[in-house]
């Protein structure tokens, strides 16, 4: 018998920062025991048409470490079971903005750093991005960021109270370009009905996309909704405001000639726009 079979197993070298983590898990073992759940809502709610596509990619050791250490305090699994007290979650009564889909979190961290008096509840299903944003928040000492894991629709419908949000940010959502997939696009009349009930009057809805047909649909749907009003006098798109950072993804698109459109709408009081009846959007 070879001596190598009787030799004690060598300890694996520690992971260097930024190195992808490979771990063979036993069946049923959670990916991150103290981190985000793989399916927080489980079977508690109906399986509606999803507006997002989960992306699977490697998690670096730094991201994994942040998820393990910080998730119990700074993370939220969107299970739809309990109503959230946002003041308790953030430890203050500052206004809370919901961001849906934050990618790797660089822009979110920049906005949080620039607006320490505004809390950001950032929601995504991308595990590496969740870990990266937690890492950035810790490195930059950003106490005004919390990270949500799961379906933002369930969060809005089941876990947030009326008039609890000061704003909504949806930057570069999946455009679902094929016509048969347009029903999966997030910005739809039913979604805006739900959002309107959770936003305080005058709250800002800010969307941005580099997919022009989707931008046109967003503009049409938001303009038609009685609870929202365009901040632009001409009723069109807005210039990118200073508070929205230029992301790496956006910069790459601009270099390729993509046109990025921003939409800025305020939530108005019910009944303030009775002169503008809602019309169903085309192509939705």
C-alpha atoms as a PDB file:
ATOM      1  CA  UNK A   1       0.000   0.000   0.000  1.00  0.00           C
ATOM      2  CA  UNK A   2       1.309   3.450  -0.882  1.00  0.00           C
ATOM      3  CA  UNK A   3       2.521   5.634   1.971  1.00  0.00           C
ATOM      4  CA  UNK A   4       0.486   8.466   0.487  1.00  0.00           C
ATOM      5  CA  UNK A   5      -2.732   6.687   1.471  1.00  0.00           C
ATOM      6  CA  UNK A   6      -1.708   6.650   5.132  1.00  0.00           C
ATOM      7  CA  UNK A   7      -0.337  10.183   5.243  1.00  0.00           C
ATOM      8  CA  UNK A   8      -2.470  12.833   6.983  1.00  0.00           C
ATOM      9  CA  UNK A   9      -4.468  14.988   4.610  1.00  0.00           C
ATOM     10  CA  UNK A  10      -2.837  18.353   4.033  1.00  0.00           C
ATOM     11  CA  UNK A  11      -4.860  21.435   4.907  1.00  0.00           C
ATOM     12  CA  UNK A  12      -5.920  23.421   1.854  1.00  0.00           C
ATOM     13  CA  UNK A  13      -4.271  26.812   1.448  1.00  0.00           C
ATOM     14  CA  UNK A  14      -6.375  29.795   2.481  1.00  0.00           C
ATOM     15  CA  UNK A  15      -8.246  31.580  -0.279  1.00  0.00           C
ATOM     16  CA  UNK A  16      -6.727  34.800  -1.460  1.00  0.00           C
ATOM     17  CA  UNK A  17      -9.067  37.786  -1.778  1.00  0.00           C
ATOM     18  CA  UNK A  18     -10.876  37.767  -5.100  1.00  0.00           C
ATOM     19  CA  UNK A  19     -10.346  34.067  -5.735  1.00  0.00           C
ATOM     20  CA  UNK A  20     -13.466  32.149  -6.717  1.00  0.00           C
ATOM     21  CA  UNK A  21     -14.747  29.680  -4.167  1.00  0.00           C
ATOM     22  CA  UNK A  22     -15.338  26.056  -5.134  1.00  0.00           C
ATOM     23  CA  UNK A  23     -16.982  23.943  -2.492  1.00  0.00           C
ATOM     24  CA  UNK A  24     -18.540  20.519  -2.877  1.00  0.00           C
ATOM     25  CA  UNK A  25     -21.715  20.505  -0.813  1.00  0.00           C
ATOM     26  CA  UNK A  26     -23.619  17.513   0.405  1.00  0.00           C
ATOM     27  CA  UNK A  27     -27.155  17.106  -0.882  1.00  0.00           C
ATOM     28  CA  UNK A  28     -29.433  19.549   0.932  1.00  0.00           C
ATOM     29  CA  UNK A  29     -26.566  21.529   2.425  1.00  0.00           C
ATOM     30  CA  UNK A  30     -27.169  25.295   2.045  1.00  0.00           C
ATOM     31  CA  UNK A  31     -24.656  27.190  -0.042  1.00  0.00           C
ATOM     32  CA  UNK A  32     -24.116  29.734   2.733  1.00  0.00           C
ATOM     33  CA  UNK A  33     -25.399  28.427   6.093  1.00  0.00           C
ATOM     34  CA  UNK A  34     -25.610  31.919   7.594  1.00  0.00           C
ATOM     35  CA  UNK A  35     -26.230  33.727   4.314  1.00  0.00           C
ATOM     36  CA  UNK A  36     -29.042  34.247   1.780  1.00  0.00           C
ATOM     37  CA  UNK A  37     -31.510  31.440   1.195  1.00  0.00           C
ATOM     38  CA  UNK A  38     -31.622  29.732  -2.199  1.00  0.00           C
ATOM     39  CA  UNK A  39     -35.417  30.191  -2.402  1.00  0.00           C
ATOM     40  CA  UNK A  40     -36.642  32.358   0.482  1.00  0.00           C
ATOM     41  CA  UNK A  41     -40.340  32.417  -0.476  1.00  0.00           C
ATOM     42  CA  UNK A  42     -40.375  28.689  -1.209  1.00  0.00           C
ATOM     43  CA  UNK A  43     -43.838  27.401  -2.060  1.00  0.00           C
ATOM     44  CA  UNK A  44     -45.680  29.929   0.090  1.00  0.00           C
ATOM     45  CA  UNK A  45     -46.800  31.943  -2.921  1.00  0.00           C
ATOM     46  CA  UNK A  46     -48.038  31.201  -6.409  1.00  0.00           C
ATOM     47  CA  UNK A  47     -45.450  30.899  -9.125  1.00  0.00           C
ATOM     48  CA  UNK A  48     -46.207  33.992 -11.150  1.00  0.00           C
ATOM     49  CA  UNK A  49     -44.460  35.028 -14.352  1.00  0.00           C
ATOM     50  CA  UNK A  50     -40.990  36.117 -13.269  1.00  0.00           C
ATOM     51  CA  UNK A  51     -39.601  39.471 -14.381  1.00  0.00           C
ATOM     52  CA  UNK A  52     -36.032  38.418 -13.597  1.00  0.00           C
ATOM     53  CA  UNK A  53     -33.675  35.667 -14.687  1.00  0.00           C
ATOM     54  CA  UNK A  54     -31.416  34.313 -11.923  1.00  0.00           C
ATOM     55  CA  UNK A  55     -27.745  34.418 -12.975  1.00  0.00           C
ATOM     56  CA  UNK A  56     -25.347  31.782 -11.748  1.00  0.00           C
ATOM     57  CA  UNK A  57     -21.698  32.730 -11.427  1.00  0.00           C
ATOM     58  CA  UNK A  58     -18.818  32.111  -9.070  1.00  0.00           C
ATOM     59  CA  UNK A  59     -18.603  33.731  -5.681  1.00  0.00           C
ATOM     60  CA  UNK A  60     -15.201  35.039  -4.642  1.00  0.00           C
ATOM     61  CA  UNK A  61     -13.822  34.338  -1.183  1.00  0.00           C
ATOM     62  CA  UNK A  62     -14.307  37.996  -0.218  1.00  0.00           C
ATOM     63  CA  UNK A  63     -17.940  37.923  -1.312  1.00  0.00           C
ATOM     64  CA  UNK A  64     -18.543  34.612   0.470  1.00  0.00           C
ATOM     65  CA  UNK A  65     -16.959  35.949   3.663  1.00  0.00           C
ATOM     66  CA  UNK A  66     -19.170  39.061   3.566  1.00  0.00           C
ATOM     67  CA  UNK A  67     -22.277  36.947   3.027  1.00  0.00           C
ATOM     68  CA  UNK A  68     -21.441  34.677   5.950  1.00  0.00           C
ATOM     69  CA  UNK A  69     -20.544  37.454   8.393  1.00  0.00           C
ATOM     70  CA  UNK A  70     -22.885  40.264   7.446  1.00  0.00           C
ATOM     71  CA  UNK A  71     -26.049  38.612   6.176  1.00  0.00           C
ATOM     72  CA  UNK A  72     -27.614  37.927   9.595  1.00  0.00           C
ATOM     73  CA  UNK A  73     -27.518  41.660  10.382  1.00  0.00           C
ATOM     74  CA  UNK A  74     -27.544  43.418   7.000  1.00  0.00           C
ATOM     75  CA  UNK A  75     -29.392  40.918   4.818  1.00  0.00           C
ATOM     76  CA  UNK A  76     -33.075  40.174   4.257  1.00  0.00           C
ATOM     77  CA  UNK A  77     -34.514  36.966   2.829  1.00  0.00           C
ATOM     78  CA  UNK A  78     -37.742  37.927   1.085  1.00  0.00           C
ATOM     79  CA  UNK A  79     -40.004  35.142   2.308  1.00  0.00           C
ATOM     80  CA  UNK A  80     -43.261  37.113   2.422  1.00  0.00           C
ATOM     81  CA  UNK A  81     -44.006  35.941   5.967  1.00  0.00           C
ATOM     82  CA  UNK A  82     -43.627  39.120   8.047  1.00  0.00           C
ATOM     83  CA  UNK A  83     -44.186  42.840   7.641  1.00  0.00           C
ATOM     84  CA  UNK A  84     -40.941  44.797   7.826  1.00  0.00           C
ATOM     85  CA  UNK A  85     -40.402  47.675  10.223  1.00  0.00           C
ATOM     86  CA  UNK A  86     -38.006  49.744   8.127  1.00  0.00           C
ATOM     87  CA  UNK A  87     -37.116  52.003  11.038  1.00  0.00           C
ATOM     88  CA  UNK A  88     -36.082  48.986  13.073  1.00  0.00           C
ATOM     89  CA  UNK A  89     -34.213  47.492  10.124  1.00  0.00           C
ATOM     90  CA  UNK A  90     -32.037  50.572   9.639  1.00  0.00           C
ATOM     91  CA  UNK A  91     -32.027  51.811  13.213  1.00  0.00           C
ATOM     92  CA  UNK A  92     -33.317  55.271  12.295  1.00  0.00           C
ATOM     93  CA  UNK A  93     -36.275  57.076  10.735  1.00  0.00           C
ATOM     94  CA  UNK A  94     -34.503  58.277   7.593  1.00  0.00           C
ATOM     95  CA  UNK A  95     -36.372  57.965   4.279  1.00  0.00           C
ATOM     96  CA  UNK A  96     -36.009  54.603   2.552  1.00  0.00           C
ATOM     97  CA  UNK A  97     -35.510  54.099  -1.179  1.00  0.00           C
ATOM     98  CA  UNK A  98     -36.069  50.674  -2.721  1.00  0.00           C
ATOM     99  CA  UNK A  99     -33.646  49.677  -5.477  1.00  0.00           C
ATOM    100  CA  UNK A 100     -34.611  46.670  -7.584  1.00  0.00           C
ATOM    101  CA  UNK A 101     -31.734  44.974  -9.389  1.00  0.00           C
ATOM    102  CA  UNK A 102     -28.349  46.392  -8.381  1.00  0.00           C
ATOM    103  CA  UNK A 103     -25.918  44.127 -10.258  1.00  0.00           C
ATOM    104  CA  UNK A 104     -22.576  44.124  -8.472  1.00  0.00           C
ATOM    105  CA  UNK A 105     -23.583  47.049  -6.263  1.00  0.00           C
ATOM    106  CA  UNK A 106     -20.954  49.630  -7.218  1.00  0.00           C
ATOM    107  CA  UNK A 107     -23.521  52.303  -8.137  1.00  0.00           C
ATOM    108  CA  UNK A 108     -25.596  51.516  -5.052  1.00  0.00           C
ATOM    109  CA  UNK A 109     -22.583  51.984  -2.799  1.00  0.00           C
ATOM    110  CA  UNK A 110     -21.722  55.290  -4.487  1.00  0.00           C
ATOM    111  CA  UNK A 111     -25.259  56.604  -4.009  1.00  0.00           C
ATOM    112  CA  UNK A 112     -25.336  55.457  -0.385  1.00  0.00           C
ATOM    113  CA  UNK A 113     -22.045  57.229   0.293  1.00  0.00           C
ATOM    114  CA  UNK A 114     -23.294  60.426  -1.351  1.00  0.00           C
ATOM    115  CA  UNK A 115     -26.621  60.380   0.555  1.00  0.00           C
ATOM    116  CA  UNK A 116     -25.930  59.221   4.141  1.00  0.00           C
ATOM    117  CA  UNK A 117     -29.331  60.562   5.222  1.00  0.00           C
ATOM    118  CA  UNK A 118     -31.168  58.214   2.841  1.00  0.00           C
ATOM    119  CA  UNK A 119     -31.491  54.491   3.502  1.00  0.00           C
ATOM    120  CA  UNK A 120     -31.291  52.102   0.545  1.00  0.00           C
ATOM    121  CA  UNK A 121     -32.970  48.703   0.549  1.00  0.00           C
ATOM    122  CA  UNK A 122     -31.313  47.043  -2.449  1.00  0.00           C
ATOM    123  CA  UNK A 123     -32.880  43.847  -3.814  1.00  0.00           C
ATOM    124  CA  UNK A 124     -31.381  41.322  -6.217  1.00  0.00           C
ATOM    125  CA  UNK A 125     -31.132  37.565  -6.784  1.00  0.00           C
ATOM    126  CA  UNK A 126     -27.481  37.566  -7.882  1.00  0.00           C
ATOM    127  CA  UNK A 127     -25.442  36.042  -5.059  1.00  0.00           C
ATOM    128  CA  UNK A 128     -22.024  37.426  -6.104  1.00  0.00           C
ATOM    129  CA  UNK A 129     -23.559  40.892  -6.345  1.00  0.00           C
ATOM    130  CA  UNK A 130     -25.123  40.559  -2.905  1.00  0.00           C
ATOM    131  CA  UNK A 131     -21.753  39.626  -1.430  1.00  0.00           C
ATOM    132  CA  UNK A 132     -19.975  42.385  -3.319  1.00  0.00           C
ATOM    133  CA  UNK A 133     -22.388  45.080  -2.124  1.00  0.00           C
ATOM    134  CA  UNK A 134     -22.047  43.911   1.476  1.00  0.00           C
ATOM    135  CA  UNK A 135     -18.283  44.006   1.057  1.00  0.00           C
ATOM    136  CA  UNK A 136     -18.398  47.550  -0.325  1.00  0.00           C
ATOM    137  CA  UNK A 137     -20.731  48.685   2.449  1.00  0.00           C
ATOM    138  CA  UNK A 138     -18.367  47.352   5.092  1.00  0.00           C
ATOM    139  CA  UNK A 139     -15.237  48.775   3.466  1.00  0.00           C
ATOM    140  CA  UNK A 140     -16.826  52.217   3.057  1.00  0.00           C
ATOM    141  CA  UNK A 141     -18.624  52.115   6.427  1.00  0.00           C
ATOM    142  CA  UNK A 142     -22.038  52.564   4.819  1.00  0.00           C
ATOM    143  CA  UNK A 143     -24.607  51.999   7.534  1.00  0.00           C
ATOM    144  CA  UNK A 144     -27.500  53.043   5.256  1.00  0.00           C
ATOM    145  CA  UNK A 145     -27.516  49.930   3.025  1.00  0.00           C
ATOM    146  CA  UNK A 146     -29.449  46.710   3.491  1.00  0.00           C
ATOM    147  CA  UNK A 147     -29.499  43.874   0.946  1.00  0.00           C
ATOM    148  CA  UNK A 148     -32.644  41.928   0.043  1.00  0.00           C
ATOM    149  CA  UNK A 149     -32.607  38.480  -1.533  1.00  0.00           C
ATOM    150  CA  UNK A 150     -35.564  37.311  -3.587  1.00  0.00           C
ATOM    151  CA  UNK A 151     -38.592  38.536  -5.490  1.00  0.00           C
ATOM    152  CA  UNK A 152     -39.226  42.275  -5.174  1.00  0.00           C
ATOM    153  CA  UNK A 153     -42.911  41.735  -6.004  1.00  0.00           C
ATOM    154  CA  UNK A 154     -43.345  39.608  -2.873  1.00  0.00           C
ATOM    155  CA  UNK A 155     -41.470  42.235  -0.873  1.00  0.00           C
ATOM    156  CA  UNK A 156     -43.760  45.014  -2.067  1.00  0.00           C
ATOM    157  CA  UNK A 157     -46.975  43.035  -1.826  1.00  0.00           C
ATOM    158  CA  UNK A 158     -46.473  41.123   1.416  1.00  0.00           C
ATOM    159  CA  UNK A 159     -43.764  42.788   3.508  1.00  0.00           C
ATOM    160  CA  UNK A 160     -43.963  46.575   3.093  1.00  0.00           C
ATOM    161  CA  UNK A 161     -46.674  48.865   4.426  1.00  0.00           C
ATOM    162  CA  UNK A 162     -48.494  51.658   2.631  1.00  0.00           C
ATOM    163  CA  UNK A 163     -46.586  54.913   2.152  1.00  0.00           C
ATOM    164  CA  UNK A 164     -43.414  53.368   3.590  1.00  0.00           C
ATOM    165  CA  UNK A 165     -41.022  54.209   0.739  1.00  0.00           C
ATOM    166  CA  UNK A 166     -39.530  57.543  -0.295  1.00  0.00           C
ATOM    167  CA  UNK A 167     -38.503  56.336  -3.734  1.00  0.00           C
ATOM    168  CA  UNK A 168     -38.004  53.501  -6.199  1.00  0.00           C
ATOM    169  CA  UNK A 169     -34.980  52.903  -8.437  1.00  0.00           C
ATOM    170  CA  UNK A 170     -34.981  50.420 -11.307  1.00  0.00           C
ATOM    171  CA  UNK A 171     -31.765  50.680 -13.298  1.00  0.00           C
ATOM    172  CA  UNK A 172     -31.184  48.577 -16.406  1.00  0.00           C
ATOM    173  CA  UNK A 173     -33.742  45.839 -15.763  1.00  0.00           C
ATOM    174  CA  UNK A 174     -33.847  42.818 -18.025  1.00  0.00           C
ATOM    175  CA  UNK A 175     -35.407  44.137 -21.279  1.00  0.00           C
ATOM    176  CA  UNK A 176     -36.824  40.761 -22.338  1.00  0.00           C
ATOM    177  CA  UNK A 177     -36.424  41.822 -25.978  1.00  0.00           C
ATOM    178  CA  UNK A 178     -38.427  39.048 -27.638  1.00  0.00           C
ATOM    179  CA  UNK A 179     -42.059  39.991 -28.142  1.00  0.00           C
ATOM    180  CA  UNK A 180     -43.339  36.788 -26.540  1.00  0.00           C
ATOM    181  CA  UNK A 181     -41.387  37.711 -23.392  1.00  0.00           C
ATOM    182  CA  UNK A 182     -42.662  41.297 -23.059  1.00  0.00           C
ATOM    183  CA  UNK A 183     -45.102  40.097 -20.384  1.00  0.00           C
ATOM    184  CA  UNK A 184     -42.041  39.444 -18.195  1.00  0.00           C
ATOM    185  CA  UNK A 185     -40.944  43.072 -18.192  1.00  0.00           C
ATOM    186  CA  UNK A 186     -41.081  44.579 -14.720  1.00  0.00           C
ATOM    187  CA  UNK A 187     -42.554  47.977 -15.565  1.00  0.00           C
ATOM    188  CA  UNK A 188     -46.208  47.089 -16.176  1.00  0.00           C
ATOM    189  CA  UNK A 189     -49.481  48.715 -15.016  1.00  0.00           C
ATOM    190  CA  UNK A 190     -50.056  46.053 -12.332  1.00  0.00           C
ATOM    191  CA  UNK A 191     -46.564  46.579 -10.931  1.00  0.00           C
ATOM    192  CA  UNK A 192     -47.110  50.339 -10.776  1.00  0.00           C
ATOM    193  CA  UNK A 193     -50.403  49.805  -8.931  1.00  0.00           C
ATOM    194  CA  UNK A 194     -48.476  47.943  -6.250  1.00  0.00           C
ATOM    195  CA  UNK A 195     -45.649  50.469  -6.167  1.00  0.00           C
ATOM    196  CA  UNK A 196     -48.038  53.406  -5.880  1.00  0.00           C
ATOM    197  CA  UNK A 197     -49.543  51.942  -2.709  1.00  0.00           C
ATOM    198  CA  UNK A 198     -46.101  51.676  -1.056  1.00  0.00           C
ATOM    199  CA  UNK A 199     -44.732  55.094  -2.046  1.00  0.00           C
ATOM    200  CA  UNK A 200     -45.250  58.291  -0.111  1.00  0.00           C
ATOM    201  CA  UNK A 201     -46.799  61.170  -2.063  1.00  0.00           C
ATOM    202  CA  UNK A 202     -44.098  63.050  -4.044  1.00  0.00           C
ATOM    203  CA  UNK A 203     -41.784  59.995  -3.906  1.00  0.00           C
ATOM    204  CA  UNK A 204     -39.561  59.674  -6.960  1.00  0.00           C
ATOM    205  CA  UNK A 205     -39.653  56.716  -9.337  1.00  0.00           C
ATOM    206  CA  UNK A 206     -36.431  56.588 -11.335  1.00  0.00           C
ATOM    207  CA  UNK A 207     -35.942  54.096 -14.155  1.00  0.00           C
ATOM    208  CA  UNK A 208     -33.087  53.810 -16.633  1.00  0.00           C
ATOM    209  CA  UNK A 209     -32.527  51.505 -19.581  1.00  0.00           C
ATOM    210  CA  UNK A 210     -30.340  51.240 -22.663  1.00  0.00           C
ATOM    211  CA  UNK A 211     -32.988  49.253 -24.551  1.00  0.00           C
ATOM    212  CA  UNK A 212     -34.927  51.902 -26.482  1.00  0.00           C
ATOM    213  CA  UNK A 213     -38.118  49.899 -27.163  1.00  0.00           C
ATOM    214  CA  UNK A 214     -38.373  49.154 -23.440  1.00  0.00           C
ATOM    215  CA  UNK A 215     -37.735  52.810 -22.634  1.00  0.00           C
ATOM    216  CA  UNK A 216     -40.653  53.774 -24.868  1.00  0.00           C
ATOM    217  CA  UNK A 217     -42.893  51.243 -23.139  1.00  0.00           C
ATOM    218  CA  UNK A 218     -41.798  52.486 -19.701  1.00  0.00           C
ATOM    219  CA  UNK A 219     -42.615  56.047 -20.707  1.00  0.00           C
ATOM    220  CA  UNK A 220     -46.021  55.051 -22.059  1.00  0.00           C
ATOM    221  CA  UNK A 221     -46.981  52.961 -19.030  1.00  0.00           C
ATOM    222  CA  UNK A 222     -45.807  55.515 -16.461  1.00  0.00           C
ATOM    223  CA  UNK A 223     -47.451  58.409 -18.326  1.00  0.00           C
ATOM    224  CA  UNK A 224     -50.764  56.557 -18.481  1.00  0.00           C
ATOM    225  CA  UNK A 225     -50.826  55.655 -14.794  1.00  0.00           C
ATOM    226  CA  UNK A 226     -52.978  58.037 -12.714  1.00  0.00           C
ATOM    227  CA  UNK A 227     -50.678  57.903  -9.666  1.00  0.00           C
ATOM    228  CA  UNK A 228     -47.529  59.108 -11.419  1.00  0.00           C
ATOM    229  CA  UNK A 229     -46.528  62.319 -13.121  1.00  0.00           C
ATOM    230  CA  UNK A 230     -43.523  63.033 -15.303  1.00  0.00           C
ATOM    231  CA  UNK A 231     -41.037  65.504 -13.856  1.00  0.00           C
ATOM    232  CA  UNK A 232     -40.193  66.651 -17.390  1.00  0.00           C
ATOM    233  CA  UNK A 233     -42.343  69.484 -18.713  1.00  0.00           C
ATOM    234  CA  UNK A 234     -42.265  68.061 -22.230  1.00  0.00           C
ATOM    235  CA  UNK A 235     -43.467  64.662 -21.016  1.00  0.00           C
ATOM    236  CA  UNK A 236     -40.375  62.879 -22.304  1.00  0.00           C
ATOM    237  CA  UNK A 237     -37.175  61.337 -21.037  1.00  0.00           C
ATOM    238  CA  UNK A 238     -34.876  63.009 -18.528  1.00  0.00           C
ATOM    239  CA  UNK A 239     -31.133  63.564 -18.620  1.00  0.00           C
ATOM    240  CA  UNK A 240     -29.141  61.323 -16.280  1.00  0.00           C
ATOM    241  CA  UNK A 241     -29.303  63.081 -12.895  1.00  0.00           C
ATOM    242  CA  UNK A 242     -26.059  63.680 -11.018  1.00  0.00           C
ATOM    243  CA  UNK A 243     -27.075  61.316  -8.227  1.00  0.00           C
ATOM    244  CA  UNK A 244     -27.152  58.290 -10.554  1.00  0.00           C
ATOM    245  CA  UNK A 245     -23.536  57.203 -11.142  1.00  0.00           C
ATOM    246  CA  UNK A 246     -22.349  56.179 -14.575  1.00  0.00           C
ATOM    247  CA  UNK A 247     -21.847  52.445 -14.198  1.00  0.00           C
ATOM    248  CA  UNK A 248     -19.221  50.319 -15.919  1.00  0.00           C
ATOM    249  CA  UNK A 249     -21.997  48.438 -17.726  1.00  0.00           C
ATOM    250  CA  UNK A 250     -23.517  51.707 -18.912  1.00  0.00           C
ATOM    251  CA  UNK A 251     -20.153  53.061 -20.049  1.00  0.00           C
ATOM    252  CA  UNK A 252     -19.554  49.962 -22.147  1.00  0.00           C
ATOM    253  CA  UNK A 253     -22.959  50.389 -23.744  1.00  0.00           C
ATOM    254  CA  UNK A 254     -22.351  54.047 -24.523  1.00  0.00           C
ATOM    255  CA  UNK A 255     -19.057  53.131 -26.190  1.00  0.00           C
ATOM    256  CA  UNK A 256     -21.015  50.772 -28.443  1.00  0.00           C
ATOM    257  CA  UNK A 257     -23.445  53.536 -29.376  1.00  0.00           C
ATOM    258  CA  UNK A 258     -26.298  52.521 -27.071  1.00  0.00           C
ATOM    259  CA  UNK A 259     -28.753  55.255 -26.072  1.00  0.00           C
ATOM    260  CA  UNK A 260     -29.514  55.372 -22.351  1.00  0.00           C
ATOM    261  CA  UNK A 261     -32.851  56.858 -21.306  1.00  0.00           C
ATOM    262  CA  UNK A 262     -33.749  57.969 -17.783  1.00  0.00           C
ATOM    263  CA  UNK A 263     -37.330  58.368 -16.595  1.00  0.00           C
ATOM    264  CA  UNK A 264     -38.174  60.463 -13.528  1.00  0.00           C
ATOM    265  CA  UNK A 265     -41.762  60.376 -12.266  1.00  0.00           C
ATOM    266  CA  UNK A 266     -43.290  61.593  -9.004  1.00  0.00           C
ATOM    267  CA  UNK A 267     -45.958  59.719  -7.124  1.00  0.00           C
ATOM    268  CA  UNK A 268     -48.971  62.023  -6.861  1.00  0.00           C
ATOM    269  CA  UNK A 269     -51.985  62.008  -4.548  1.00  0.00           C
ATOM    270  CA  UNK A 270     -54.904  59.864  -5.643  1.00  0.00           C
ATOM    271  CA  UNK A 271     -57.311  61.885  -7.739  1.00  0.00           C
ATOM    272  CA  UNK A 272     -54.789  64.546  -8.741  1.00  0.00           C
ATOM    273  CA  UNK A 273     -54.765  63.360 -12.346  1.00  0.00           C
ATOM    274  CA  UNK A 274     -58.383  62.578 -13.074  1.00  0.00           C
ATOM    275  CA  UNK A 275     -57.986  64.532 -16.305  1.00  0.00           C
ATOM    276  CA  UNK A 276     -55.635  61.864 -17.659  1.00  0.00           C
ATOM    277  CA  UNK A 277     -57.358  58.455 -17.767  1.00  0.00           C
ATOM    278  CA  UNK A 278     -55.137  55.392 -17.789  1.00  0.00           C
ATOM    279  CA  UNK A 279     -54.756  53.571 -21.089  1.00  0.00           C
ATOM    280  CA  UNK A 280     -53.393  50.053 -21.500  1.00  0.00           C
ATOM    281  CA  UNK A 281     -49.841  50.062 -22.888  1.00  0.00           C
ATOM    282  CA  UNK A 282     -49.201  48.612 -26.293  1.00  0.00           C
ATOM    283  CA  UNK A 283     -46.847  45.681 -26.578  1.00  0.00           C
ATOM    284  CA  UNK A 284     -47.070  44.783 -22.876  1.00  0.00           C
END
